[in-house]
């Protein structure tokens, strides 16, 4: 099985892949989260493991936007929650007071904002495509250069760097939810509770309570919504799409009826996936 994920080697996604049991697959490393999803769409990979939501910073927006753009071409077939411990890494031992720049992916930079503000107030920050890329850049910096990265312990070991401080994330219970993406038509399998993710846009009538009315399709049938988020449609100011996670499978009568009820109120309703909450679809 060919599995696409954010590279280079040493990312938190690679750590999550190992923990989820997918390390035996053939790695298809990509430079962005969007590219990992597109690799599945294009047939370059059989699955992708992508970060979807973080307990500190919320949704990973490129993941949402790309899944919405590729509706009908890919589908979510599972998820995996992975604890993330972010570490301050340098080429060699250096005092925190001497660091002048911190490099990382935008998400860890945000997840460590308080640490950066209080412990590294004199350092600027720079976002790059991945935490592993940040560590690689630090490993290639000039000896004594006052630069550090936020990344995984595995990346520090891989690139021969020094860990200055472990677990510098602002909240101790820092967890990222990853999702498995497969080609459209792939069937999710697994025991236990299920979740259905969907996106809808353009409610038929723009009036006070229109969104409440749309969501009532779920509450009136006893279907619990565990996440709702709006994102701009990007084609015109003031137009939004809404992402929803509902408890239950699309094969459940109440969930299916709620989705059909929503279709009567929205211009578009698309299913991103219906899948078990705890599943390993690479097996």
Protein backbone atom coordinates (compact mmCIF):
# COMPACT_ATOMS: atom_id res chain seq x y z
CA UNK A 1 0.00 0.00 0.00
CA UNK A 2 1.30 3.43 -1.02
CA UNK A 3 0.71 5.99 1.73
CA UNK A 4 1.11 9.73 1.13
CA UNK A 5 1.96 12.04 3.98
CA UNK A 6 3.68 15.33 4.72
CA UNK A 7 7.46 15.02 4.46
CA UNK A 8 10.36 15.07 4.60
CA UNK A 9 11.22 12.26 7.00
CA UNK A 10 10.89 13.23 10.65
CA UNK A 11 7.50 14.98 10.68
CA UNK A 12 4.87 14.50 13.35
CA UNK A 13 2.71 12.93 10.63
CA UNK A 14 5.36 10.25 10.17
CA UNK A 15 5.31 9.62 13.93
CA UNK A 16 1.50 9.34 13.78
CA UNK A 17 1.74 6.97 10.81
CA UNK A 18 3.98 4.66 12.81
CA UNK A 19 1.61 4.74 15.78
CA UNK A 20 -1.40 4.04 13.52
CA UNK A 21 0.22 0.94 12.07
CA UNK A 22 0.88 2.28 8.59
CA UNK A 23 4.68 2.34 8.62
CA UNK A 24 4.90 -0.89 6.61
CA UNK A 25 3.40 0.82 3.57
CA UNK A 26 5.37 2.42 0.75
CA UNK A 27 5.97 6.06 1.67
CA UNK A 28 4.90 8.79 -0.76
CA UNK A 29 6.36 11.95 0.77
CA UNK A 30 4.77 15.27 -0.17
CA UNK A 31 5.68 18.88 0.52
CA UNK A 32 2.20 19.98 1.66
CA UNK A 33 -0.94 18.50 3.23
CA UNK A 34 -2.91 19.39 0.09
CA UNK A 35 -0.45 17.52 -2.10
CA UNK A 36 -0.87 14.38 0.04
CA UNK A 37 -4.63 14.43 -0.61
CA UNK A 38 -4.08 15.14 -4.30
CA UNK A 39 -1.73 12.15 -4.51
CA UNK A 40 -4.70 9.92 -3.65
CA UNK A 41 -6.89 11.70 -6.17
CA UNK A 42 -4.26 11.30 -8.88
CA UNK A 43 -3.62 7.62 -8.14
CA UNK A 44 -0.06 8.17 -6.92
CA UNK A 45 -1.05 6.85 -3.48
CA UNK A 46 -3.65 4.41 -2.15
CA UNK A 47 -4.11 6.29 1.13
CA UNK A 48 -3.04 9.56 2.71
CA UNK A 49 -2.67 10.32 6.40
CA UNK A 50 -3.20 14.03 7.00
CA UNK A 51 -3.51 16.27 10.10
CA UNK A 52 -7.13 17.37 10.41
CA UNK A 53 -7.62 19.02 13.79
CA UNK A 54 -5.50 20.04 16.77
CA UNK A 55 -6.66 20.37 20.36
CA UNK A 56 -4.93 23.76 20.74
CA UNK A 57 -5.23 25.41 17.34
CA UNK A 58 -8.35 23.76 15.92
CA UNK A 59 -8.80 22.66 12.33
CA UNK A 60 -5.98 22.39 9.82
CA UNK A 61 -7.40 24.71 7.19
CA UNK A 62 -5.54 23.40 4.11
CA UNK A 63 -6.95 19.96 4.89
CA UNK A 64 -10.53 21.25 5.07
CA UNK A 65 -10.23 23.37 1.94
CA UNK A 66 -8.65 20.59 -0.12
CA UNK A 67 -11.16 17.94 1.01
CA UNK A 68 -13.99 20.31 0.07
CA UNK A 69 -12.40 21.03 -3.31
CA UNK A 70 -11.94 17.34 -4.09
CA UNK A 71 -15.39 16.17 -2.98
CA UNK A 72 -16.42 13.19 -5.07
CA UNK A 73 -12.80 12.28 -5.80
CA UNK A 74 -11.55 11.31 -2.33
CA UNK A 75 -13.19 10.28 0.94
CA UNK A 76 -12.28 10.03 4.64
CA UNK A 77 -12.23 6.39 5.77
CA UNK A 78 -10.81 6.60 9.29
CA UNK A 79 -9.09 8.71 11.92
CA UNK A 80 -6.26 8.48 14.44
CA UNK A 81 -5.63 10.73 17.47
CA UNK A 82 -1.95 11.26 18.18
CA UNK A 83 -0.35 13.09 21.16
CA UNK A 84 2.08 15.72 19.91
CA UNK A 85 5.11 16.74 21.95
CA UNK A 86 6.90 19.70 20.40
CA UNK A 87 10.59 20.19 21.12
CA UNK A 88 12.99 23.10 20.75
CA UNK A 89 15.87 21.89 18.59
CA UNK A 90 19.18 23.45 17.53
CA UNK A 91 22.25 22.30 15.64
CA UNK A 92 24.26 22.27 18.87
CA UNK A 93 23.90 23.41 22.46
CA UNK A 94 22.95 27.09 22.67
CA UNK A 95 21.40 29.27 25.37
CA UNK A 96 17.76 30.21 24.86
CA UNK A 97 18.69 33.86 25.35
CA UNK A 98 20.98 33.65 22.30
CA UNK A 99 18.36 32.33 19.86
CA UNK A 100 17.35 34.94 17.30
CA UNK A 101 15.03 32.92 15.03
CA UNK A 102 12.69 29.96 15.48
CA UNK A 103 11.61 27.96 12.42
CA UNK A 104 8.70 25.52 12.16
CA UNK A 105 5.41 24.73 10.48
CA UNK A 106 2.71 27.32 11.20
CA UNK A 107 0.74 24.94 13.44
CA UNK A 108 3.52 24.23 16.01
CA UNK A 109 4.46 27.90 16.02
CA UNK A 110 0.89 28.66 17.06
CA UNK A 111 0.74 25.74 19.51
CA UNK A 112 3.84 27.11 21.27
CA UNK A 113 2.90 30.80 21.13
CA UNK A 114 3.03 31.33 24.89
CA UNK A 115 6.41 29.60 25.21
CA UNK A 116 7.81 31.70 22.37
CA UNK A 117 6.44 34.89 23.92
CA UNK A 118 7.74 34.26 27.44
CA UNK A 119 10.95 32.25 26.87
CA UNK A 120 12.11 33.50 23.44
CA UNK A 121 10.78 37.03 23.29
CA UNK A 122 13.86 38.21 21.42
CA UNK A 123 13.48 35.68 18.61
CA UNK A 124 11.59 36.10 15.36
CA UNK A 125 9.61 33.20 13.86
CA UNK A 126 9.52 31.79 10.35
CA UNK A 127 7.00 29.30 8.97
CA UNK A 128 8.09 26.55 6.57
CA UNK A 129 6.23 23.63 4.98
CA UNK A 130 6.90 21.09 7.76
CA UNK A 131 8.56 20.63 11.14
CA UNK A 132 11.05 18.18 9.62
CA UNK A 133 12.04 20.75 7.01
CA UNK A 134 12.61 23.23 9.85
CA UNK A 135 14.92 20.81 11.65
CA UNK A 136 16.75 20.04 8.41
CA UNK A 137 17.35 23.75 7.82
CA UNK A 138 18.67 24.14 11.36
CA UNK A 139 21.00 21.17 10.87
CA UNK A 140 22.48 22.92 7.83
CA UNK A 141 22.89 26.28 9.56
CA UNK A 142 26.32 27.72 10.18
CA UNK A 143 28.02 26.57 13.35
CA UNK A 144 27.04 28.90 16.17
CA UNK A 145 24.20 30.48 14.20
CA UNK A 146 21.44 31.58 16.58
CA UNK A 147 18.58 29.61 15.01
CA UNK A 148 16.35 26.85 16.38
CA UNK A 149 13.41 24.74 15.23
CA UNK A 150 10.22 23.37 16.74
CA UNK A 151 9.89 19.72 15.82
CA UNK A 152 9.78 16.05 16.75
CA UNK A 153 12.40 14.13 18.70
CA UNK A 154 12.66 11.75 15.74
CA UNK A 155 13.66 14.67 13.49
CA UNK A 156 16.36 15.82 15.91
CA UNK A 157 17.82 12.32 15.90
CA UNK A 158 17.51 11.93 12.14
CA UNK A 159 19.29 15.20 11.35
CA UNK A 160 21.87 14.98 14.14
CA UNK A 161 20.63 17.97 16.13
CA UNK A 162 20.45 18.81 19.82
CA UNK A 163 17.22 19.03 21.82
CA UNK A 164 17.36 22.19 23.92
CA UNK A 165 13.96 21.79 25.60
CA UNK A 166 11.34 19.02 25.40
CA UNK A 167 7.57 19.47 25.30
CA UNK A 168 7.31 23.23 24.87
CA UNK A 169 3.69 23.21 23.65
CA UNK A 170 1.40 25.59 25.53
CA UNK A 171 -0.95 22.83 26.72
CA UNK A 172 0.24 19.49 28.06
CA UNK A 173 -2.64 17.58 26.46
CA UNK A 174 -1.73 18.53 22.91
CA UNK A 175 -3.38 16.06 20.52
CA UNK A 176 -3.71 16.15 16.75
CA UNK A 177 -6.44 14.22 14.99
CA UNK A 178 -5.27 12.71 11.73
CA UNK A 179 -7.61 11.28 9.10
CA UNK A 180 -7.10 8.59 6.50
CA UNK A 181 -8.03 9.68 2.98
CA UNK A 182 -8.84 7.13 0.26
CA UNK A 183 -10.14 7.27 -3.32
CA UNK A 184 -13.85 7.98 -3.67
CA UNK A 185 -15.91 4.81 -3.41
CA UNK A 186 -13.61 3.20 -0.84
CA UNK A 187 -15.55 1.57 1.98
CA UNK A 188 -14.67 2.28 5.58
CA UNK A 189 -14.75 -0.68 7.95
CA UNK A 190 -14.50 -1.03 11.70
CA UNK A 191 -16.31 -1.64 14.96
CA UNK A 192 -17.50 0.85 17.55
CA UNK A 193 -18.93 4.35 17.12
CA UNK A 194 -18.96 6.03 13.71
CA UNK A 195 -18.77 9.61 12.52
CA UNK A 196 -20.05 11.30 9.37
CA UNK A 197 -18.27 14.42 8.07
CA UNK A 198 -19.91 16.70 5.55
CA UNK A 199 -19.77 20.19 4.09
CA UNK A 200 -22.72 22.32 3.00
CA UNK A 201 -23.10 25.79 1.53
CA UNK A 202 -25.56 28.48 0.51
CA UNK A 203 -28.72 28.12 2.55
CA UNK A 204 -31.74 28.65 0.33
CA UNK A 205 -33.18 31.63 2.15
CA UNK A 206 -30.96 34.18 3.90
CA UNK A 207 -33.01 35.05 6.96
CA UNK A 208 -32.54 35.16 10.75
CA UNK A 209 -32.37 31.60 12.01
CA UNK A 210 -31.56 30.02 8.62
CA UNK A 211 -28.52 28.19 9.99
CA UNK A 212 -30.42 27.13 13.11
CA UNK A 213 -33.17 25.75 10.90
CA UNK A 214 -30.65 23.78 8.87
CA UNK A 215 -29.03 22.31 11.97
CA UNK A 216 -32.46 21.45 13.36
CA UNK A 217 -32.57 18.68 10.76
CA UNK A 218 -30.07 16.88 12.98
CA UNK A 219 -31.25 17.83 16.47
CA UNK A 220 -34.90 16.99 15.67
CA UNK A 221 -33.81 13.44 14.83
CA UNK A 222 -31.55 13.05 17.86
CA UNK A 223 -28.33 13.20 15.85
CA UNK A 224 -25.55 14.81 17.86
CA UNK A 225 -23.25 17.30 16.11
CA UNK A 226 -19.74 17.22 17.58
CA UNK A 227 -18.13 19.86 15.37
CA UNK A 228 -19.28 22.74 13.18
CA UNK A 229 -17.01 25.25 11.50
CA UNK A 230 -17.38 27.83 8.75
CA UNK A 231 -14.83 28.57 6.05
CA UNK A 232 -15.02 31.20 3.29
CA UNK A 233 -15.91 29.82 -0.15
CA UNK A 234 -13.07 31.97 -1.52
CA UNK A 235 -15.04 33.12 -4.55
CA UNK A 236 -16.87 36.07 -2.98
CA UNK A 237 -16.74 37.97 0.30
CA UNK A 238 -19.48 36.94 2.71
CA UNK A 239 -20.11 33.48 1.24
CA UNK A 240 -19.32 30.51 3.45
CA UNK A 241 -19.26 26.74 3.57
CA UNK A 242 -20.00 24.89 6.80
CA UNK A 243 -18.19 21.75 7.93
CA UNK A 244 -20.02 19.37 10.25
CA UNK A 245 -19.10 16.19 12.09
CA UNK A 246 -22.14 14.18 13.19
CA UNK A 247 -22.18 11.13 15.41
CA UNK A 248 -23.29 8.01 13.58
CA UNK A 249 -22.92 6.34 10.21
CA UNK A 250 -24.52 7.49 6.99
CA UNK A 251 -26.15 4.06 6.94
CA UNK A 252 -28.06 4.97 10.14
CA UNK A 253 -31.62 5.93 9.28
CA UNK A 254 -31.65 9.09 11.43
CA UNK A 255 -28.33 10.35 10.05
CA UNK A 256 -29.39 9.68 6.45
CA UNK A 257 -32.73 11.43 7.03
CA UNK A 258 -31.00 14.45 8.59
CA UNK A 259 -28.67 14.75 5.60
CA UNK A 260 -31.60 14.55 3.19
CA UNK A 261 -33.43 17.19 5.21
CA UNK A 262 -30.36 19.41 4.99
CA UNK A 263 -30.32 18.98 1.20
CA UNK A 264 -33.75 20.60 1.06
CA UNK A 265 -32.37 23.73 2.73
CA UNK A 266 -28.87 24.12 1.25
CA UNK A 267 -27.64 24.65 -2.29
CA UNK A 268 -24.98 21.96 -1.87
CA UNK A 269 -24.43 19.15 0.62
CA UNK A 270 -21.41 16.89 0.15
CA UNK A 271 -20.24 13.94 2.24
CA UNK A 272 -16.53 14.04 3.13
CA UNK A 273 -16.69 10.59 4.66
CA UNK A 274 -18.57 8.24 6.98
CA UNK A 275 -16.13 6.19 9.03
CA UNK A 276 -15.41 4.51 12.39
CA UNK A 277 -13.92 6.74 15.05
CA UNK A 278 -11.23 4.20 15.88
CA UNK A 279 -10.12 2.32 12.76
CA UNK A 280 -6.99 1.35 10.90
CA UNK A 281 -7.94 1.15 7.21
CA UNK A 282 -4.43 0.24 6.06
CA UNK A 283 -4.73 -3.28 7.46
